[in-house]
Amino acid sequence: MNAAIIVIERLAQVYIVLIFARVIMSWFRSGASSFLGRIIMQTTQPIFDLIRKMFPRTTWGMIDFSPIIAFLLVDFIRYILILIISSYF
């Protein structure tokens, strides 16, 4: 039980760091063109596609709120998974 919860916690933390790295990369023109940048973009693109499909108006002017929604969504999924695992053990 504890091992599964720790794995979920670590995966959520890694994904949140990847989302944060993507936000920082968006501030620089050449951020997504590097090898690491492409990996980060490919890893985080599915959640951004889902958010932009569910909430088409996540951009207000030059500000994109989809990373904030992604942080909340990852944390919510982490919380639900831990609740499910905890209830079975």
PDB file of N, CA and C in Angstrom:
ATOM      1  N   MET A   1       0.827  -1.188   0.000  1.00  0.00           N
ATOM      2  CA  MET A   1       0.000   0.000   0.000  1.00  0.00           C
ATOM      3  C   MET A   1       0.872   1.253   0.000  1.00  0.00           C
ATOM      4  N   ASN A   2       1.787   1.347   0.937  1.00  0.00           N
ATOM      5  CA  ASN A   2       2.617   2.537   1.012  1.00  0.00           C
ATOM      6  C   ASN A   2       3.454   2.724  -0.243  1.00  0.00           C
ATOM      7  N   ALA A   3       3.929   1.642  -0.825  1.00  0.00           N
ATOM      8  CA  ALA A   3       4.746   1.748  -2.036  1.00  0.00           C
ATOM      9  C   ALA A   3       3.930   2.326  -3.194  1.00  0.00           C
ATOM     10  N   ALA A   4       2.693   1.904  -3.342  1.00  0.00           N
ATOM     11  CA  ALA A   4       1.846   2.414  -4.427  1.00  0.00           C
ATOM     12  C   ALA A   4       1.564   3.903  -4.232  1.00  0.00           C
ATOM     13  N   ILE A   5       1.323   4.290  -3.005  1.00  0.00           N
ATOM     14  CA  ILE A   5       1.063   5.708  -2.730  1.00  0.00           C
ATOM     15  C   ILE A   5       2.309   6.545  -2.998  1.00  0.00           C
ATOM     16  N   ILE A   6       3.459   6.027  -2.619  1.00  0.00           N
ATOM     17  CA  ILE A   6       4.704   6.759  -2.864  1.00  0.00           C
ATOM     18  C   ILE A   6       4.954   6.903  -4.363  1.00  0.00           C
ATOM     19  N   VAL A   7       4.687   5.858  -5.130  1.00  0.00           N
ATOM     20  CA  VAL A   7       4.867   5.927  -6.585  1.00  0.00           C
ATOM     21  C   VAL A   7       3.934   6.980  -7.186  1.00  0.00           C
ATOM     22  N   ILE A   8       2.681   6.987  -6.760  1.00  0.00           N
ATOM     23  CA  ILE A   8       1.722   7.979  -7.267  1.00  0.00           C
ATOM     24  C   ILE A   8       2.164   9.393  -6.899  1.00  0.00           C
ATOM     25  N   GLU A   9       2.621   9.573  -5.661  1.00  0.00           N
ATOM     26  CA  GLU A   9       3.105  10.882  -5.222  1.00  0.00           C
ATOM     27  C   GLU A   9       4.276  11.350  -6.083  1.00  0.00           C
ATOM     28  N   ARG A  10       5.231  10.455  -6.313  1.00  0.00           N
ATOM     29  CA  ARG A  10       6.422  10.825  -7.091  1.00  0.00           C
ATOM     30  C   ARG A  10       6.077  11.115  -8.549  1.00  0.00           C
ATOM     31  N   LEU A  11       5.217  10.305  -9.132  1.00  0.00           N
ATOM     32  CA  LEU A  11       4.813  10.560 -10.527  1.00  0.00           C
ATOM     33  C   LEU A  11       4.096  11.899 -10.657  1.00  0.00           C
ATOM     34  N   ALA A  12       3.237  12.205  -9.709  1.00  0.00           N
ATOM     35  CA  ALA A  12       2.533  13.489  -9.736  1.00  0.00           C
ATOM     36  C   ALA A  12       3.530  14.643  -9.590  1.00  0.00           C
ATOM     37  N   GLN A  13       4.503  14.482  -8.700  1.00  0.00           N
ATOM     38  CA  GLN A  13       5.510  15.528  -8.520  1.00  0.00           C
ATOM     39  C   GLN A  13       6.339  15.740  -9.781  1.00  0.00           C
ATOM     40  N   VAL A  14       6.730  14.652 -10.417  1.00  0.00           N
ATOM     41  CA  VAL A  14       7.513  14.755 -11.655  1.00  0.00           C
ATOM     42  C   VAL A  14       6.688  15.445 -12.731  1.00  0.00           C
ATOM     43  N   TYR A  15       5.413  15.083 -12.851  1.00  0.00           N
ATOM     44  CA  TYR A  15       4.576  15.688 -13.892  1.00  0.00           C
ATOM     45  C   TYR A  15       4.350  17.174 -13.622  1.00  0.00           C
ATOM     46  N   ILE A  16       4.211  17.545 -12.356  1.00  0.00           N
ATOM     47  CA  ILE A  16       4.051  18.957 -12.019  1.00  0.00           C
ATOM     48  C   ILE A  16       5.330  19.732 -12.356  1.00  0.00           C
ATOM     49  N   VAL A  17       6.480  19.138 -12.092  1.00  0.00           N
ATOM     50  CA  VAL A  17       7.747  19.781 -12.459  1.00  0.00           C
ATOM     51  C   VAL A  17       7.848  19.926 -13.975  1.00  0.00           C
ATOM     52  N   LEU A  18       7.410  18.917 -14.726  1.00  0.00           N
ATOM     53  CA  LEU A  18       7.429  19.012 -16.184  1.00  0.00           C
ATOM     54  C   LEU A  18       6.505  20.124 -16.676  1.00  0.00           C
ATOM     55  N   ILE A  19       5.340  20.262 -16.067  1.00  0.00           N
ATOM     56  CA  ILE A  19       4.429  21.348 -16.448  1.00  0.00           C
ATOM     57  C   ILE A  19       5.069  22.698 -16.140  1.00  0.00           C
ATOM     58  N   PHE A  20       5.691  22.804 -14.964  1.00  0.00           N
ATOM     59  CA  PHE A  20       6.364  24.043 -14.594  1.00  0.00           C
ATOM     60  C   PHE A  20       7.504  24.350 -15.567  1.00  0.00           C
ATOM     61  N   ALA A  21       8.264  23.325 -15.948  1.00  0.00           N
ATOM     62  CA  ALA A  21       9.352  23.518 -16.914  1.00  0.00           C
ATOM     63  C   ALA A  21       8.802  23.984 -18.254  1.00  0.00           C
ATOM     64  N   ARG A  22       7.649  23.462 -18.641  1.00  0.00           N
ATOM     65  CA  ARG A  22       7.037  23.893 -19.899  1.00  0.00           C
ATOM     66  C   ARG A  22       6.631  25.362 -19.839  1.00  0.00           C
ATOM     67  N   VAL A  23       6.114  25.774 -18.697  1.00  0.00           N
ATOM     68  CA  VAL A  23       5.742  27.189 -18.529  1.00  0.00           C
ATOM     69  C   VAL A  23       6.982  28.066 -18.656  1.00  0.00           C
ATOM     70  N   ILE A  24       8.053  27.682 -17.988  1.00  0.00           N
ATOM     71  CA  ILE A  24       9.294  28.464 -18.066  1.00  0.00           C
ATOM     72  C   ILE A  24       9.837  28.458 -19.496  1.00  0.00           C
ATOM     73  N   MET A  25       9.777  27.307 -20.172  1.00  0.00           N
ATOM     74  CA  MET A  25      10.259  27.223 -21.556  1.00  0.00           C
ATOM     75  C   MET A  25       9.464  28.118 -22.489  1.00  0.00           C
ATOM     76  N   SER A  26       8.203  28.334 -22.194  1.00  0.00           N
ATOM     77  CA  SER A  26       7.376  29.159 -23.080  1.00  0.00           C
ATOM     78  C   SER A  26       7.816  30.625 -23.063  1.00  0.00           C
ATOM     79  N   TRP A  27       8.584  31.003 -22.086  1.00  0.00           N
ATOM     80  CA  TRP A  27       9.073  32.379 -22.020  1.00  0.00           C
ATOM     81  C   TRP A  27      10.260  32.624 -22.937  1.00  0.00           C
ATOM     82  N   PHE A  28      10.888  31.540 -23.406  1.00  0.00           N
ATOM     83  CA  PHE A  28      12.078  31.655 -24.244  1.00  0.00           C
ATOM     84  C   PHE A  28      11.780  31.104 -25.631  1.00  0.00           C
ATOM     85  N   ARG A  29      12.296  31.757 -26.626  1.00  0.00           N
ATOM     86  CA  ARG A  29      12.003  31.386 -28.004  1.00  0.00           C
ATOM     87  C   ARG A  29      12.543  30.014 -28.365  1.00  0.00           C
ATOM     88  N   SER A  30      13.735  29.674 -27.923  1.00  0.00           N
ATOM     89  CA  SER A  30      14.352  28.418 -28.340  1.00  0.00           C
ATOM     90  C   SER A  30      14.129  27.288 -27.337  1.00  0.00           C
ATOM     91  N   GLY A  31      13.247  27.457 -26.369  1.00  0.00           N
ATOM     92  CA  GLY A  31      13.038  26.453 -25.335  1.00  0.00           C
ATOM     93  C   GLY A  31      12.542  25.118 -25.859  1.00  0.00           C
ATOM     94  N   ALA A  32      11.604  25.134 -26.778  1.00  0.00           N
ATOM     95  CA  ALA A  32      10.999  23.892 -27.267  1.00  0.00           C
ATOM     96  C   ALA A  32      11.802  23.240 -28.384  1.00  0.00           C
ATOM     97  N   SER A  33      12.857  23.885 -28.852  1.00  0.00           N
ATOM     98  CA  SER A  33      13.607  23.314 -29.974  1.00  0.00           C
ATOM     99  C   SER A  33      14.723  22.370 -29.527  1.00  0.00           C
ATOM    100  N   SER A  34      15.064  22.382 -28.255  1.00  0.00           N
ATOM    101  CA  SER A  34      16.114  21.477 -27.780  1.00  0.00           C
ATOM    102  C   SER A  34      15.540  20.073 -27.577  1.00  0.00           C
ATOM    103  N   PHE A  35      16.429  19.115 -27.381  1.00  0.00           N
ATOM    104  CA  PHE A  35      16.004  17.730 -27.173  1.00  0.00           C
ATOM    105  C   PHE A  35      15.164  17.619 -25.903  1.00  0.00           C
ATOM    106  N   LEU A  36      15.638  18.206 -24.822  1.00  0.00           N
ATOM    107  CA  LEU A  36      14.902  18.174 -23.558  1.00  0.00           C
ATOM    108  C   LEU A  36      13.571  18.920 -23.684  1.00  0.00           C
ATOM    109  N   GLY A  37      13.584  20.015 -24.409  1.00  0.00           N
ATOM    110  CA  GLY A  37      12.355  20.767 -24.626  1.00  0.00           C
ATOM    111  C   GLY A  37      11.304  19.968 -25.377  1.00  0.00           C
ATOM    112  N   ARG A  38      11.740  19.220 -26.380  1.00  0.00           N
ATOM    113  CA  ARG A  38      10.792  18.380 -27.129  1.00  0.00           C
ATOM    114  C   ARG A  38      10.216  17.274 -26.260  1.00  0.00           C
ATOM    115  N   ILE A  39      11.043  16.685 -25.391  1.00  0.00           N
ATOM    116  CA  ILE A  39      10.546  15.648 -24.483  1.00  0.00           C
ATOM    117  C   ILE A  39       9.509  16.231 -23.530  1.00  0.00           C
ATOM    118  N   ILE A  40       9.801  17.404 -22.991  1.00  0.00           N
ATOM    119  CA  ILE A  40       8.854  18.048 -22.074  1.00  0.00           C
ATOM    120  C   ILE A  40       7.557  18.385 -22.798  1.00  0.00           C
ATOM    121  N   MET A  41       7.661  18.896 -24.012  1.00  0.00           N
ATOM    122  CA  MET A  41       6.464  19.244 -24.776  1.00  0.00           C
ATOM    123  C   MET A  41       5.626  18.005 -25.089  1.00  0.00           C
ATOM    124  N   GLN A  42       6.272  16.917 -25.506  1.00  0.00           N
ATOM    125  CA  GLN A  42       5.539  15.692 -25.836  1.00  0.00           C
ATOM    126  C   GLN A  42       4.921  15.053 -24.612  1.00  0.00           C
ATOM    127  N   THR A  43       5.562  15.198 -23.461  1.00  0.00           N
ATOM    128  CA  THR A  43       5.057  14.592 -22.239  1.00  0.00           C
ATOM    129  C   THR A  43       3.864  15.369 -21.680  1.00  0.00           C
ATOM    130  N   THR A  44       3.899  16.670 -21.791  1.00  0.00           N
ATOM    131  CA  THR A  44       2.835  17.492 -21.201  1.00  0.00           C
ATOM    132  C   THR A  44       1.724  17.846 -22.181  1.00  0.00           C
ATOM    133  N   GLN A  45       1.938  17.637 -23.462  1.00  0.00           N
ATOM    134  CA  GLN A  45       0.922  18.024 -24.455  1.00  0.00           C
ATOM    135  C   GLN A  45      -0.426  17.333 -24.266  1.00  0.00           C
ATOM    136  N   PRO A  46      -0.490  16.054 -23.895  1.00  0.00           N
ATOM    137  CA  PRO A  46      -1.812  15.422 -23.741  1.00  0.00           C
ATOM    138  C   PRO A  46      -2.711  16.111 -22.713  1.00  0.00           C
ATOM    139  N   ILE A  47      -2.160  16.518 -21.584  1.00  0.00           N
ATOM    140  CA  ILE A  47      -3.004  17.167 -20.579  1.00  0.00           C
ATOM    141  C   ILE A  47      -3.434  18.552 -21.047  1.00  0.00           C
ATOM    142  N   PHE A  48      -2.565  19.258 -21.768  1.00  0.00           N
ATOM    143  CA  PHE A  48      -2.941  20.572 -22.283  1.00  0.00           C
ATOM    144  C   PHE A  48      -4.002  20.446 -23.377  1.00  0.00           C
ATOM    145  N   ASP A  49      -3.889  19.420 -24.218  1.00  0.00           N
ATOM    146  CA  ASP A  49      -4.922  19.189 -25.233  1.00  0.00           C
ATOM    147  C   ASP A  49      -6.267  18.904 -24.577  1.00  0.00           C
ATOM    148  N   LEU A  50      -6.263  18.079 -23.541  1.00  0.00           N
ATOM    149  CA  LEU A  50      -7.495  17.761 -22.820  1.00  0.00           C
ATOM    150  C   LEU A  50      -8.108  19.010 -22.192  1.00  0.00           C
ATOM    151  N   ILE A  51      -7.291  19.820 -21.556  1.00  0.00           N
ATOM    152  CA  ILE A  51      -7.789  21.036 -20.909  1.00  0.00           C
ATOM    153  C   ILE A  51      -8.332  22.012 -21.944  1.00  0.00           C
ATOM    154  N   ARG A  52      -7.615  22.188 -23.024  1.00  0.00           N
ATOM    155  CA  ARG A  52      -8.069  23.145 -24.052  1.00  0.00           C
ATOM    156  C   ARG A  52      -9.303  22.650 -24.782  1.00  0.00           C
ATOM    157  N   LYS A  53      -9.508  21.319 -24.807  1.00  0.00           N
ATOM    158  CA  LYS A  53     -10.723  20.776 -25.391  1.00  0.00           C
ATOM    159  C   LYS A  53     -11.904  20.974 -24.436  1.00  0.00           C
ATOM    160  N   MET A  54     -11.663  20.743 -23.144  1.00  0.00           N
ATOM    161  CA  MET A  54     -12.728  20.884 -22.149  1.00  0.00           C
ATOM    162  C   MET A  54     -13.077  22.356 -21.898  1.00  0.00           C
ATOM    163  N   PHE A  55     -12.049  23.208 -21.862  1.00  0.00           N
ATOM    164  CA  PHE A  55     -12.234  24.637 -21.593  1.00  0.00           C
ATOM    165  C   PHE A  55     -11.587  25.435 -22.723  1.00  0.00           C
ATOM    166  N   PRO A  56     -12.333  25.703 -23.795  1.00  0.00           N
ATOM    167  CA  PRO A  56     -11.723  26.364 -24.954  1.00  0.00           C
ATOM    168  C   PRO A  56     -11.216  27.778 -24.656  1.00  0.00           C
ATOM    169  N   ARG A  57     -11.747  28.414 -23.643  1.00  0.00           N
ATOM    170  CA  ARG A  57     -11.348  29.788 -23.354  1.00  0.00           C
ATOM    171  C   ARG A  57     -10.411  29.847 -22.141  1.00  0.00           C
ATOM    172  N   THR A  58      -9.298  29.127 -22.197  1.00  0.00           N
ATOM    173  CA  THR A  58      -8.339  29.160 -21.095  1.00  0.00           C
ATOM    174  C   THR A  58      -7.330  30.293 -21.253  1.00  0.00           C
ATOM    175  N   THR A  59      -7.378  30.990 -22.379  1.00  0.00           N
ATOM    176  CA  THR A  59      -6.462  32.096 -22.620  1.00  0.00           C
ATOM    177  C   THR A  59      -7.210  33.411 -22.480  1.00  0.00           C
ATOM    178  N   TRP A  60      -6.610  34.317 -21.706  1.00  0.00           N
ATOM    179  CA  TRP A  60      -7.191  35.641 -21.528  1.00  0.00           C
ATOM    180  C   TRP A  60      -6.117  36.636 -21.921  1.00  0.00           C
ATOM    181  N   GLY A  61      -6.269  37.199 -23.103  1.00  0.00           N
ATOM    182  CA  GLY A  61      -5.236  38.072 -23.633  1.00  0.00           C
ATOM    183  C   GLY A  61      -3.988  37.263 -23.938  1.00  0.00           C
ATOM    184  N   MET A  62      -2.877  37.661 -23.357  1.00  0.00           N
ATOM    185  CA  MET A  62      -1.608  36.954 -23.547  1.00  0.00           C
ATOM    186  C   MET A  62      -1.365  35.911 -22.464  1.00  0.00           C
ATOM    187  N   ILE A  63      -2.278  35.770 -21.514  1.00  0.00           N
ATOM    188  CA  ILE A  63      -2.092  34.864 -20.384  1.00  0.00           C
ATOM    189  C   ILE A  63      -2.860  33.574 -20.628  1.00  0.00           C
ATOM    190  N   ASP A  64      -2.148  32.461 -20.542  1.00  0.00           N
ATOM    191  CA  ASP A  64      -2.750  31.138 -20.719  1.00  0.00           C
ATOM    192  C   ASP A  64      -2.916  30.500 -19.340  1.00  0.00           C
ATOM    193  N   PHE A  65      -4.152  30.208 -18.979  1.00  0.00           N
ATOM    194  CA  PHE A  65      -4.445  29.640 -17.670  1.00  0.00           C
ATOM    195  C   PHE A  65      -4.449  28.114 -17.665  1.00  0.00           C
ATOM    196  N   SER A  66      -4.190  27.480 -18.800  1.00  0.00           N
ATOM    197  CA  SER A  66      -4.220  26.018 -18.844  1.00  0.00           C
ATOM    198  C   SER A  66      -3.156  25.369 -17.949  1.00  0.00           C
ATOM    199  N   PRO A  67      -1.963  25.957 -17.739  1.00  0.00           N
ATOM    200  CA  PRO A  67      -1.041  25.323 -16.787  1.00  0.00           C
ATOM    201  C   PRO A  67      -1.586  25.300 -15.352  1.00  0.00           C
ATOM    202  N   ILE A  68      -2.285  26.330 -14.960  1.00  0.00           N
ATOM    203  CA  ILE A  68      -2.874  26.355 -13.611  1.00  0.00           C
ATOM    204  C   ILE A  68      -3.922  25.260 -13.493  1.00  0.00           C
ATOM    205  N   ILE A  69      -4.753  25.119 -14.517  1.00  0.00           N
ATOM    206  CA  ILE A  69      -5.758  24.061 -14.518  1.00  0.00           C
ATOM    207  C   ILE A  69      -5.072  22.693 -14.533  1.00  0.00           C
ATOM    208  N   ALA A  70      -3.956  22.575 -15.255  1.00  0.00           N
ATOM    209  CA  ALA A  70      -3.215  21.313 -15.295  1.00  0.00           C
ATOM    210  C   ALA A  70      -2.659  20.958 -13.920  1.00  0.00           C
ATOM    211  N   PHE A  71      -2.116  21.950 -13.206  1.00  0.00           N
ATOM    212  CA  PHE A  71      -1.642  21.701 -11.838  1.00  0.00           C
ATOM    213  C   PHE A  71      -2.768  21.175 -10.970  1.00  0.00           C
ATOM    214  N   LEU A  72      -3.913  21.828 -11.047  1.00  0.00           N
ATOM    215  CA  LEU A  72      -5.065  21.414 -10.236  1.00  0.00           C
ATOM    216  C   LEU A  72      -5.557  20.029 -10.639  1.00  0.00           C
ATOM    217  N   LEU A  73      -5.583  19.747 -11.926  1.00  0.00           N
ATOM    218  CA  LEU A  73      -6.056  18.451 -12.412  1.00  0.00           C
ATOM    219  C   LEU A  73      -5.129  17.315 -11.976  1.00  0.00           C
ATOM    220  N   VAL A  74      -3.831  17.520 -12.084  1.00  0.00           N
ATOM    221  CA  VAL A  74      -2.872  16.492 -11.655  1.00  0.00           C
ATOM    222  C   VAL A  74      -3.006  16.244 -10.157  1.00  0.00           C
ATOM    223  N   ASP A  75      -3.144  17.315  -9.392  1.00  0.00           N
ATOM    224  CA  ASP A  75      -3.288  17.156  -7.947  1.00  0.00           C
ATOM    225  C   ASP A  75      -4.602  16.455  -7.592  1.00  0.00           C
ATOM    226  N   PHE A  76      -5.671  16.758  -8.315  1.00  0.00           N
ATOM    227  CA  PHE A  76      -6.960  16.110  -8.078  1.00  0.00           C
ATOM    228  C   PHE A  76      -6.887  14.620  -8.397  1.00  0.00           C
ATOM    229  N   ILE A  77      -6.271  14.273  -9.523  1.00  0.00           N
ATOM    230  CA  ILE A  77      -6.129  12.862  -9.904  1.00  0.00           C
ATOM    231  C   ILE A  77      -5.267  12.128  -8.878  1.00  0.00           C
ATOM    232  N   ARG A  78      -4.193  12.759  -8.429  1.00  0.00           N
ATOM    233  CA  ARG A  78      -3.338  12.171  -7.399  1.00  0.00           C
ATOM    234  C   ARG A  78      -4.137  11.897  -6.128  1.00  0.00           C
ATOM    235  N   TYR A  79      -4.930  12.869  -5.714  1.00  0.00           N
ATOM    236  CA  TYR A  79      -5.736  12.731  -4.507  1.00  0.00           C
ATOM    237  C   TYR A  79      -6.751  11.590  -4.632  1.00  0.00           C
ATOM    238  N   ILE A  80      -7.429  11.520  -5.759  1.00  0.00           N
ATOM    239  CA  ILE A  80      -8.430  10.464  -5.985  1.00  0.00           C
ATOM    240  C   ILE A  80      -7.769   9.087  -6.000  1.00  0.00           C
ATOM    241  N   LEU A  81      -6.643   8.952  -6.685  1.00  0.00           N
ATOM    242  CA  LEU A  81      -5.953   7.664  -6.730  1.00  0.00           C
ATOM    243  C   LEU A  81      -5.494   7.213  -5.347  1.00  0.00           C
ATOM    244  N   ILE A  82      -5.000   8.141  -4.559  1.00  0.00           N
ATOM    245  CA  ILE A  82      -4.570   7.793  -3.204  1.00  0.00           C
ATOM    246  C   ILE A  82      -5.762   7.397  -2.345  1.00  0.00           C
ATOM    247  N   LEU A  83      -6.887   8.079  -2.512  1.00  0.00           N
ATOM    248  CA  LEU A  83      -8.092   7.688  -1.779  1.00  0.00           C
ATOM    249  C   LEU A  83      -8.546   6.280  -2.157  1.00  0.00           C
ATOM    250  N   ILE A  84      -8.523   5.986  -3.433  1.00  0.00           N
ATOM    251  CA  ILE A  84      -8.941   4.650  -3.894  1.00  0.00           C
ATOM    252  C   ILE A  84      -8.005   3.580  -3.335  1.00  0.00           C
ATOM    253  N   ILE A  85      -6.713   3.811  -3.428  1.00  0.00           N
ATOM    254  CA  ILE A  85      -5.762   2.830  -2.926  1.00  0.00           C
ATOM    255  C   ILE A  85      -5.888   2.676  -1.409  1.00  0.00           C
ATOM    256  N   SER A  86      -6.055   3.779  -0.709  1.00  0.00           N
ATOM    257  CA  SER A  86      -6.175   3.721   0.743  1.00  0.00           C
ATOM    258  C   SER A  86      -7.454   3.002   1.193  1.00  0.00           C
ATOM    259  N   SER A  87      -8.499   3.123   0.429  1.00  0.00           N
ATOM    260  CA  SER A  87      -9.760   2.488   0.829  1.00  0.00           C
ATOM    261  C   SER A  87      -9.726   0.977   0.626  1.00  0.00           C
ATOM    262  N   TYR A  88      -8.870   0.487  -0.278  1.00  0.00           N
ATOM    263  CA  TYR A  88      -8.795  -0.947  -0.514  1.00  0.00           C
ATOM    264  C   TYR A  88      -7.846  -1.659   0.440  1.00  0.00           C
ATOM    265  N   PHE A  89      -6.959  -0.919   1.078  1.00  0.00           N
ATOM    266  CA  PHE A  89      -5.981  -1.573   1.947  1.00  0.00           C
ATOM    267  C   PHE A  89      -6.183  -1.156   3.368  1.00  0.00           C
TER     268      PHE A  89
END
